[in-house]
Structures are given as C-alpha cells and as structure tokens.
Amino acid sequence: MPGKVQLLGKLPSEIVGQIPAQAAVIKGAANPDAGRAFLALLLEDQVQDIWENWAFDRAKEPASGSRTSLYFYAGAGLRLPAR
C-alpha cells in the first residue's frame, strides 16, 4: 500500500527463523465459497511465484482426510474469555 505503509526495517532471518502461515475456511463462515476461492487462488502458480519472491516456501495443500491442530495462545489478559 504505497504511501500508507512505511517499512521501518527487516528482521534478520537468523533472529526470527521461519514464520509459518496458514489459511483455512472456518466452519460457519459467512461466505465459505469465497473462502474456498481464496484458498484456490493461494495455490495458483502465479501466487506461488510471488510467495517465493518474498522468500516463503510454496504452499502445500494438505493430504485428503488429514487432520490439523488448532493452537490457542492465551495470556494473562485473555483469562476471562479463555475460560
């Protein structure tokens, strides 16, 4: 977003390591068809090439029937909502 985002600096990869990113259509989403279309877009070669140019790995579609985990990070400020 030119003019709206200012890059202050880059974190060296030896400090931060890999940053995983995941995308999914959430059960009960208001527009699951749009979510599935977005996931399909992320797997297209042109988009994959952009991710690689930004030093990310190419996205991988999970194997059919594979299970995933949901990690919920709750801190002291989230005690009441996390009960």
PDB file of N, CA and C in Angstrom:
ATOM      1  N   MET A   1       0.844  -1.169   0.000  1.00  0.00           N
ATOM      2  CA  MET A   1       0.000   0.000   0.000  1.00  0.00           C
ATOM      3  C   MET A   1       0.896   1.241   0.000  1.00  0.00           C
ATOM      4  N   PRO A   2       1.354   1.624  -1.177  1.00  0.00           N
ATOM      5  CA  PRO A   2       2.251   2.776  -1.256  1.00  0.00           C
ATOM      6  C   PRO A   2       1.639   4.008  -0.594  1.00  0.00           C
ATOM      7  N   GLY A   3       2.444   4.673   0.209  1.00  0.00           N
ATOM      8  CA  GLY A   3       2.002   5.885   0.879  1.00  0.00           C
ATOM      9  C   GLY A   3       1.251   5.624   2.176  1.00  0.00           C
ATOM     10  N   LYS A   4       0.838   4.402   2.427  1.00  0.00           N
ATOM     11  CA  LYS A   4       0.085   4.084   3.638  1.00  0.00           C
ATOM     12  C   LYS A   4       0.866   3.192   4.596  1.00  0.00           C
ATOM     13  N   VAL A   5       1.834   2.458   4.062  1.00  0.00           N
ATOM     14  CA  VAL A   5       2.640   1.564   4.887  1.00  0.00           C
ATOM     15  C   VAL A   5       4.092   1.986   4.751  1.00  0.00           C
ATOM     16  N   GLN A   6       4.753   2.122   5.895  1.00  0.00           N
ATOM     17  CA  GLN A   6       6.154   2.507   5.874  1.00  0.00           C
ATOM     18  C   GLN A   6       6.983   1.359   6.438  1.00  0.00           C
ATOM     19  N   LEU A   7       7.913   0.851   5.635  1.00  0.00           N
ATOM     20  CA  LEU A   7       8.809  -0.205   6.075  1.00  0.00           C
ATOM     21  C   LEU A   7       9.886   0.417   6.952  1.00  0.00           C
ATOM     22  N   LEU A   8       9.927  -0.024   8.199  1.00  0.00           N
ATOM     23  CA  LEU A   8      10.900   0.521   9.132  1.00  0.00           C
ATOM     24  C   LEU A   8      12.205  -0.253   9.105  1.00  0.00           C
ATOM     25  N   GLY A   9      12.144  -1.496   8.737  1.00  0.00           N
ATOM     26  CA  GLY A   9      13.342  -2.318   8.686  1.00  0.00           C
ATOM     27  C   GLY A   9      12.963  -3.776   8.553  1.00  0.00           C
ATOM     28  N   LYS A  10      13.940  -4.604   8.243  1.00  0.00           N
ATOM     29  CA  LYS A  10      13.717  -6.038   8.109  1.00  0.00           C
ATOM     30  C   LYS A  10      14.407  -6.746   9.262  1.00  0.00           C
ATOM     31  N   LEU A  11      13.734  -7.765   9.774  1.00  0.00           N
ATOM     32  CA  LEU A  11      14.351  -8.584  10.810  1.00  0.00           C
ATOM     33  C   LEU A  11      15.225  -9.630  10.145  1.00  0.00           C
ATOM     34  N   PRO A  12      16.457  -9.777  10.593  1.00  0.00           N
ATOM     35  CA  PRO A  12      17.338 -10.785  10.006  1.00  0.00           C
ATOM     36  C   PRO A  12      16.765 -12.185  10.221  1.00  0.00           C
ATOM     37  N   SER A  13      16.825 -13.013   9.186  1.00  0.00           N
ATOM     38  CA  SER A  13      16.242 -14.351   9.262  1.00  0.00           C
ATOM     39  C   SER A  13      16.901 -15.212  10.342  1.00  0.00           C
ATOM     40  N   GLU A  14      18.156 -14.960  10.660  1.00  0.00           N
ATOM     41  CA  GLU A  14      18.803 -15.756  11.706  1.00  0.00           C
ATOM     42  C   GLU A  14      18.239 -15.453  13.094  1.00  0.00           C
ATOM     43  N   ILE A  15      17.538 -14.336  13.223  1.00  0.00           N
ATOM     44  CA  ILE A  15      16.909 -13.990  14.500  1.00  0.00           C
ATOM     45  C   ILE A  15      15.488 -14.547  14.581  1.00  0.00           C
ATOM     46  N   VAL A  16      14.720 -14.374  13.513  1.00  0.00           N
ATOM     47  CA  VAL A  16      13.304 -14.751  13.569  1.00  0.00           C
ATOM     48  C   VAL A  16      13.016 -16.145  13.043  1.00  0.00           C
ATOM     49  N   GLY A  17      13.874 -16.701  12.218  1.00  0.00           N
ATOM     50  CA  GLY A  17      13.623 -18.020  11.639  1.00  0.00           C
ATOM     51  C   GLY A  17      12.413 -17.994  10.723  1.00  0.00           C
ATOM     52  N   GLN A  18      11.810 -19.149  10.532  1.00  0.00           N
ATOM     53  CA  GLN A  18      10.655 -19.245   9.651  1.00  0.00           C
ATOM     54  C   GLN A  18       9.396 -18.794  10.377  1.00  0.00           C
ATOM     55  N   ILE A  19       8.511 -18.165   9.646  1.00  0.00           N
ATOM     56  CA  ILE A  19       7.228 -17.750  10.184  1.00  0.00           C
ATOM     57  C   ILE A  19       6.157 -18.497   9.403  1.00  0.00           C
ATOM     58  N   PRO A  20       5.534 -19.492  10.023  1.00  0.00           N
ATOM     59  CA  PRO A  20       4.518 -20.259   9.288  1.00  0.00           C
ATOM     60  C   PRO A  20       3.249 -19.447   9.085  1.00  0.00           C
ATOM     61  N   ALA A  21       2.616 -19.670   7.973  1.00  0.00           N
ATOM     62  CA  ALA A  21       1.336 -19.023   7.675  1.00  0.00           C
ATOM     63  C   ALA A  21       0.371 -20.107   7.221  1.00  0.00           C
ATOM     64  N   GLN A  22      -0.856 -20.014   7.685  1.00  0.00           N
ATOM     65  CA  GLN A  22      -1.859 -20.997   7.323  1.00  0.00           C
ATOM     66  C   GLN A  22      -3.124 -20.286   6.892  1.00  0.00           C
ATOM     67  N   ALA A  23      -3.884 -20.933   6.040  1.00  0.00           N
ATOM     68  CA  ALA A  23      -5.165 -20.396   5.589  1.00  0.00           C
ATOM     69  C   ALA A  23      -6.187 -21.517   5.602  1.00  0.00           C
ATOM     70  N   ALA A  24      -7.393 -21.199   5.985  1.00  0.00           N
ATOM     71  CA  ALA A  24      -8.450 -22.207   6.046  1.00  0.00           C
ATOM     72  C   ALA A  24      -9.805 -21.519   5.974  1.00  0.00           C
ATOM     73  N   VAL A  25     -10.803 -22.278   5.568  1.00  0.00           N
ATOM     74  CA  VAL A  25     -12.180 -21.801   5.629  1.00  0.00           C
ATOM     75  C   VAL A  25     -12.734 -22.263   6.970  1.00  0.00           C
ATOM     76  N   ILE A  26     -13.163 -21.336   7.769  1.00  0.00           N
ATOM     77  CA  ILE A  26     -13.640 -21.640   9.107  1.00  0.00           C
ATOM     78  C   ILE A  26     -15.080 -22.135   9.060  1.00  0.00           C
ATOM     79  N   LYS A  27     -15.344 -23.188   9.804  1.00  0.00           N
ATOM     80  CA  LYS A  27     -16.698 -23.742   9.882  1.00  0.00           C
ATOM     81  C   LYS A  27     -17.654 -22.642  10.347  1.00  0.00           C
ATOM     82  N   GLY A  28     -18.751 -22.486   9.626  1.00  0.00           N
ATOM     83  CA  GLY A  28     -19.729 -21.465   9.967  1.00  0.00           C
ATOM     84  C   GLY A  28     -19.414 -20.100   9.371  1.00  0.00           C
ATOM     85  N   ALA A  29     -18.419 -20.031   8.474  1.00  0.00           N
ATOM     86  CA  ALA A  29     -18.062 -18.753   7.846  1.00  0.00           C
ATOM     87  C   ALA A  29     -19.261 -18.195   7.076  1.00  0.00           C
ATOM     88  N   ALA A  30     -19.371 -16.867   7.035  1.00  0.00           N
ATOM     89  CA  ALA A  30     -20.490 -16.219   6.356  1.00  0.00           C
ATOM     90  C   ALA A  30     -20.488 -16.497   4.860  1.00  0.00           C
ATOM     91  N   ASN A  31     -19.296 -16.636   4.269  1.00  0.00           N
ATOM     92  CA  ASN A  31     -19.205 -16.864   2.833  1.00  0.00           C
ATOM     93  C   ASN A  31     -18.146 -17.935   2.545  1.00  0.00           C
ATOM     94  N   PRO A  32     -18.464 -19.201   2.812  1.00  0.00           N
ATOM     95  CA  PRO A  32     -17.458 -20.253   2.633  1.00  0.00           C
ATOM     96  C   PRO A  32     -17.014 -20.421   1.186  1.00  0.00           C
ATOM     97  N   ASP A  33     -17.882 -20.128   0.221  1.00  0.00           N
ATOM     98  CA  ASP A  33     -17.477 -20.248  -1.189  1.00  0.00           C
ATOM     99  C   ASP A  33     -16.366 -19.264  -1.520  1.00  0.00           C
ATOM    100  N   ALA A  34     -16.466 -18.040  -1.011  1.00  0.00           N
ATOM    101  CA  ALA A  34     -15.409 -17.048  -1.233  1.00  0.00           C
ATOM    102  C   ALA A  34     -14.119 -17.489  -0.549  1.00  0.00           C
ATOM    103  N   GLY A  35     -14.243 -18.088   0.625  1.00  0.00           N
ATOM    104  CA  GLY A  35     -13.063 -18.595   1.328  1.00  0.00           C
ATOM    105  C   GLY A  35     -12.365 -19.690   0.546  1.00  0.00           C
ATOM    106  N   ARG A  36     -13.151 -20.619  -0.007  1.00  0.00           N
ATOM    107  CA  ARG A  36     -12.562 -21.700  -0.812  1.00  0.00           C
ATOM    108  C   ARG A  36     -11.927 -21.135  -2.090  1.00  0.00           C
ATOM    109  N   ALA A  37     -12.553 -20.111  -2.680  1.00  0.00           N
ATOM    110  CA  ALA A  37     -11.977 -19.484  -3.879  1.00  0.00           C
ATOM    111  C   ALA A  37     -10.643 -18.823  -3.539  1.00  0.00           C
ATOM    112  N   PHE A  38     -10.564 -18.192  -2.358  1.00  0.00           N
ATOM    113  CA  PHE A  38      -9.312 -17.562  -1.934  1.00  0.00           C
ATOM    114  C   PHE A  38      -8.228 -18.617  -1.710  1.00  0.00           C
ATOM    115  N   LEU A  39      -8.593 -19.743  -1.095  1.00  0.00           N
ATOM    116  CA  LEU A  39      -7.616 -20.816  -0.897  1.00  0.00           C
ATOM    117  C   LEU A  39      -7.114 -21.351  -2.230  1.00  0.00           C
ATOM    118  N   ALA A  40      -8.012 -21.490  -3.196  1.00  0.00           N
ATOM    119  CA  ALA A  40      -7.604 -21.949  -4.530  1.00  0.00           C
ATOM    120  C   ALA A  40      -6.656 -20.940  -5.172  1.00  0.00           C
ATOM    121  N   LEU A  41      -6.924 -19.654  -4.982  1.00  0.00           N
ATOM    122  CA  LEU A  41      -6.053 -18.604  -5.523  1.00  0.00           C
ATOM    123  C   LEU A  41      -4.648 -18.724  -4.942  1.00  0.00           C
ATOM    124  N   LEU A  42      -4.552 -18.990  -3.641  1.00  0.00           N
ATOM    125  CA  LEU A  42      -3.241 -19.108  -2.998  1.00  0.00           C
ATOM    126  C   LEU A  42      -2.401 -20.235  -3.577  1.00  0.00           C
ATOM    127  N   LEU A  43      -3.049 -21.241  -4.165  1.00  0.00           N
ATOM    128  CA  LEU A  43      -2.326 -22.385  -4.719  1.00  0.00           C
ATOM    129  C   LEU A  43      -1.955 -22.212  -6.189  1.00  0.00           C
ATOM    130  N   GLU A  44      -2.402 -21.125  -6.832  1.00  0.00           N
ATOM    131  CA  GLU A  44      -2.077 -20.903  -8.243  1.00  0.00           C
ATOM    132  C   GLU A  44      -0.590 -20.584  -8.409  1.00  0.00           C
ATOM    133  N   ASP A  45      -0.038 -20.996  -9.540  1.00  0.00           N
ATOM    134  CA  ASP A  45       1.397 -20.827  -9.783  1.00  0.00           C
ATOM    135  C   ASP A  45       1.855 -19.375  -9.678  1.00  0.00           C
ATOM    136  N   GLN A  46       1.073 -18.436 -10.219  1.00  0.00           N
ATOM    137  CA  GLN A  46       1.478 -17.021 -10.160  1.00  0.00           C
ATOM    138  C   GLN A  46       1.601 -16.545  -8.720  1.00  0.00           C
ATOM    139  N   VAL A  47       0.665 -16.932  -7.885  1.00  0.00           N
ATOM    140  CA  VAL A  47       0.700 -16.528  -6.481  1.00  0.00           C
ATOM    141  C   VAL A  47       1.860 -17.224  -5.768  1.00  0.00           C
ATOM    142  N   GLN A  48       2.074 -18.500  -6.086  1.00  0.00           N
ATOM    143  CA  GLN A  48       3.186 -19.236  -5.502  1.00  0.00           C
ATOM    144  C   GLN A  48       4.521 -18.573  -5.857  1.00  0.00           C
ATOM    145  N   ASP A  49       4.637 -18.098  -7.088  1.00  0.00           N
ATOM    146  CA  ASP A  49       5.862 -17.406  -7.514  1.00  0.00           C
ATOM    147  C   ASP A  49       6.079 -16.142  -6.698  1.00  0.00           C
ATOM    148  N   ILE A  50       5.013 -15.418  -6.414  1.00  0.00           N
ATOM    149  CA  ILE A  50       5.118 -14.192  -5.594  1.00  0.00           C
ATOM    150  C   ILE A  50       5.609 -14.555  -4.197  1.00  0.00           C
ATOM    151  N   TRP A  51       5.015 -15.600  -3.598  1.00  0.00           N
ATOM    152  CA  TRP A  51       5.457 -16.028  -2.268  1.00  0.00           C
ATOM    153  C   TRP A  51       6.943 -16.374  -2.284  1.00  0.00           C
ATOM    154  N   GLU A  52       7.384 -17.093  -3.318  1.00  0.00           N
ATOM    155  CA  GLU A  52       8.806 -17.452  -3.402  1.00  0.00           C
ATOM    156  C   GLU A  52       9.681 -16.218  -3.528  1.00  0.00           C
ATOM    157  N   ASN A  53       9.229 -15.222  -4.282  1.00  0.00           N
ATOM    158  CA  ASN A  53       9.998 -13.979  -4.401  1.00  0.00           C
ATOM    159  C   ASN A  53      10.133 -13.274  -3.058  1.00  0.00           C
ATOM    160  N   TRP A  54       9.182 -13.500  -2.173  1.00  0.00           N
ATOM    161  CA  TRP A  54       9.234 -12.918  -0.828  1.00  0.00           C
ATOM    162  C   TRP A  54       9.928 -13.843   0.162  1.00  0.00           C
ATOM    163  N   ALA A  55      10.569 -14.904  -0.348  1.00  0.00           N
ATOM    164  CA  ALA A  55      11.350 -15.857   0.449  1.00  0.00           C
ATOM    165  C   ALA A  55      10.480 -16.774   1.307  1.00  0.00           C
ATOM    166  N   PHE A  56       9.240 -17.008   0.902  1.00  0.00           N
ATOM    167  CA  PHE A  56       8.388 -18.003   1.554  1.00  0.00           C
ATOM    168  C   PHE A  56       8.466 -19.298   0.755  1.00  0.00           C
ATOM    169  N   ASP A  57       8.166 -20.399   1.416  1.00  0.00           N
ATOM    170  CA  ASP A  57       8.052 -21.669   0.709  1.00  0.00           C
ATOM    171  C   ASP A  57       6.736 -21.696  -0.060  1.00  0.00           C
ATOM    172  N   ARG A  58       6.688 -22.527  -1.086  1.00  0.00           N
ATOM    173  CA  ARG A  58       5.444 -22.691  -1.827  1.00  0.00           C
ATOM    174  C   ARG A  58       4.406 -23.352  -0.922  1.00  0.00           C
ATOM    175  N   ALA A  59       3.168 -22.948  -1.080  1.00  0.00           N
ATOM    176  CA  ALA A  59       2.083 -23.512  -0.269  1.00  0.00           C
ATOM    177  C   ALA A  59       1.866 -24.966  -0.625  1.00  0.00           C
ATOM    178  N   LYS A  60       1.458 -25.724   0.350  1.00  0.00           N
ATOM    179  CA  LYS A  60       1.176 -27.139   0.139  1.00  0.00           C
ATOM    180  C   LYS A  60      -0.252 -27.397   0.539  1.00  0.00           C
ATOM    181  N   GLU A  61      -0.962 -28.085  -0.320  1.00  0.00           N
ATOM    182  CA  GLU A  61      -2.330 -28.465   0.002  1.00  0.00           C
ATOM    183  C   GLU A  61      -2.265 -29.705   0.890  1.00  0.00           C
ATOM    184  N   PRO A  62      -3.007 -29.715   2.005  1.00  0.00           N
ATOM    185  CA  PRO A  62      -2.943 -30.887   2.882  1.00  0.00           C
ATOM    186  C   PRO A  62      -3.499 -32.127   2.204  1.00  0.00           C
ATOM    187  N   ALA A  63      -2.998 -33.263   2.607  1.00  0.00           N
ATOM    188  CA  ALA A  63      -3.495 -34.524   2.061  1.00  0.00           C
ATOM    189  C   ALA A  63      -4.957 -34.700   2.429  1.00  0.00           C
ATOM    190  N   SER A  64      -5.705 -35.310   1.565  1.00  0.00           N
ATOM    191  CA  SER A  64      -7.124 -35.538   1.800  1.00  0.00           C
ATOM    192  C   SER A  64      -7.323 -36.329   3.088  1.00  0.00           C
ATOM    193  N   GLY A  65      -8.218 -35.849   3.917  1.00  0.00           N
ATOM    194  CA  GLY A  65      -8.508 -36.535   5.167  1.00  0.00           C
ATOM    195  C   GLY A  65      -7.498 -36.277   6.270  1.00  0.00           C
ATOM    196  N   SER A  66      -6.513 -35.408   6.020  1.00  0.00           N
ATOM    197  CA  SER A  66      -5.523 -35.143   7.059  1.00  0.00           C
ATOM    198  C   SER A  66      -6.145 -34.304   8.177  1.00  0.00           C
ATOM    199  N   ARG A  67      -5.629 -34.464   9.343  1.00  0.00           N
ATOM    200  CA  ARG A  67      -6.121 -33.711  10.493  1.00  0.00           C
ATOM    201  C   ARG A  67      -5.165 -32.571  10.762  1.00  0.00           C
ATOM    202  N   THR A  68      -5.701 -31.494  11.274  1.00  0.00           N
ATOM    203  CA  THR A  68      -4.873 -30.355  11.640  1.00  0.00           C
ATOM    204  C   THR A  68      -5.097 -30.031  13.103  1.00  0.00           C
ATOM    205  N   SER A  69      -4.213 -29.259  13.657  1.00  0.00           N
ATOM    206  CA  SER A  69      -4.323 -28.834  15.049  1.00  0.00           C
ATOM    207  C   SER A  69      -4.614 -27.351  15.104  1.00  0.00           C
ATOM    208  N   LEU A  70      -5.347 -26.948  16.101  1.00  0.00           N
ATOM    209  CA  LEU A  70      -5.605 -25.537  16.346  1.00  0.00           C
ATOM    210  C   LEU A  70      -4.869 -25.176  17.621  1.00  0.00           C
ATOM    211  N   TYR A  71      -3.979 -24.208  17.539  1.00  0.00           N
ATOM    212  CA  TYR A  71      -3.240 -23.760  18.700  1.00  0.00           C
ATOM    213  C   TYR A  71      -3.867 -22.473  19.197  1.00  0.00           C
ATOM    214  N   PHE A  72      -4.158 -22.423  20.465  1.00  0.00           N
ATOM    215  CA  PHE A  72      -4.785 -21.257  21.077  1.00  0.00           C
ATOM    216  C   PHE A  72      -3.822 -20.726  22.115  1.00  0.00           C
ATOM    217  N   TYR A  73      -3.290 -19.540  21.881  1.00  0.00           N
ATOM    218  CA  TYR A  73      -2.343 -18.948  22.802  1.00  0.00           C
ATOM    219  C   TYR A  73      -3.100 -17.966  23.691  1.00  0.00           C
ATOM    220  N   ALA A  74      -3.190 -18.288  24.967  1.00  0.00           N
ATOM    221  CA  ALA A  74      -3.920 -17.439  25.903  1.00  0.00           C
ATOM    222  C   ALA A  74      -2.941 -16.877  26.917  1.00  0.00           C
ATOM    223  N   GLY A  75      -2.998 -15.590  27.104  1.00  0.00           N
ATOM    224  CA  GLY A  75      -2.139 -14.934  28.066  1.00  0.00           C
ATOM    225  C   GLY A  75      -2.955 -14.403  29.228  1.00  0.00           C
ATOM    226  N   ALA A  76      -2.300 -13.739  30.139  1.00  0.00           N
ATOM    227  CA  ALA A  76      -2.961 -13.228  31.334  1.00  0.00           C
ATOM    228  C   ALA A  76      -4.124 -12.301  30.985  1.00  0.00           C
ATOM    229  N   GLY A  77      -3.985 -11.546  29.907  1.00  0.00           N
ATOM    230  CA  GLY A  77      -5.041 -10.617  29.509  1.00  0.00           C
ATOM    231  C   GLY A  77      -6.241 -11.295  28.906  1.00  0.00           C
ATOM    232  N   LEU A  78      -6.148 -12.606  28.610  1.00  0.00           N
ATOM    233  CA  LEU A  78      -7.255 -13.331  27.987  1.00  0.00           C
ATOM    234  C   LEU A  78      -7.930 -14.310  28.947  1.00  0.00           C
ATOM    235  N   ARG A  79      -7.622 -14.240  30.232  1.00  0.00           N
ATOM    236  CA  ARG A  79      -8.139 -15.234  31.167  1.00  0.00           C
ATOM    237  C   ARG A  79      -9.656 -15.362  31.129  1.00  0.00           C
ATOM    238  N   LEU A  80     -10.378 -14.278  31.217  1.00  0.00           N
ATOM    239  CA  LEU A  80     -11.838 -14.383  31.248  1.00  0.00           C
ATOM    240  C   LEU A  80     -12.409 -14.963  29.947  1.00  0.00           C
ATOM    241  N   PRO A  81     -12.028 -14.441  28.743  1.00  0.00           N
ATOM    242  CA  PRO A  81     -12.599 -15.010  27.529  1.00  0.00           C
ATOM    243  C   PRO A  81     -12.146 -16.434  27.252  1.00  0.00           C
ATOM    244  N   ALA A  82     -11.012 -16.870  27.811  1.00  0.00           N
ATOM    245  CA  ALA A  82     -10.467 -18.194  27.503  1.00  0.00           C
ATOM    246  C   ALA A  82     -11.064 -19.294  28.377  1.00  0.00           C
ATOM    247  N   ARG A  83     -11.901 -18.959  29.330  1.00  0.00           N
ATOM    248  CA  ARG A  83     -12.462 -19.984  30.247  1.00  0.00           C
ATOM    249  C   ARG A  83     -13.353 -20.932  29.545  1.00  0.00           C
TER     250      ARG A  83
END
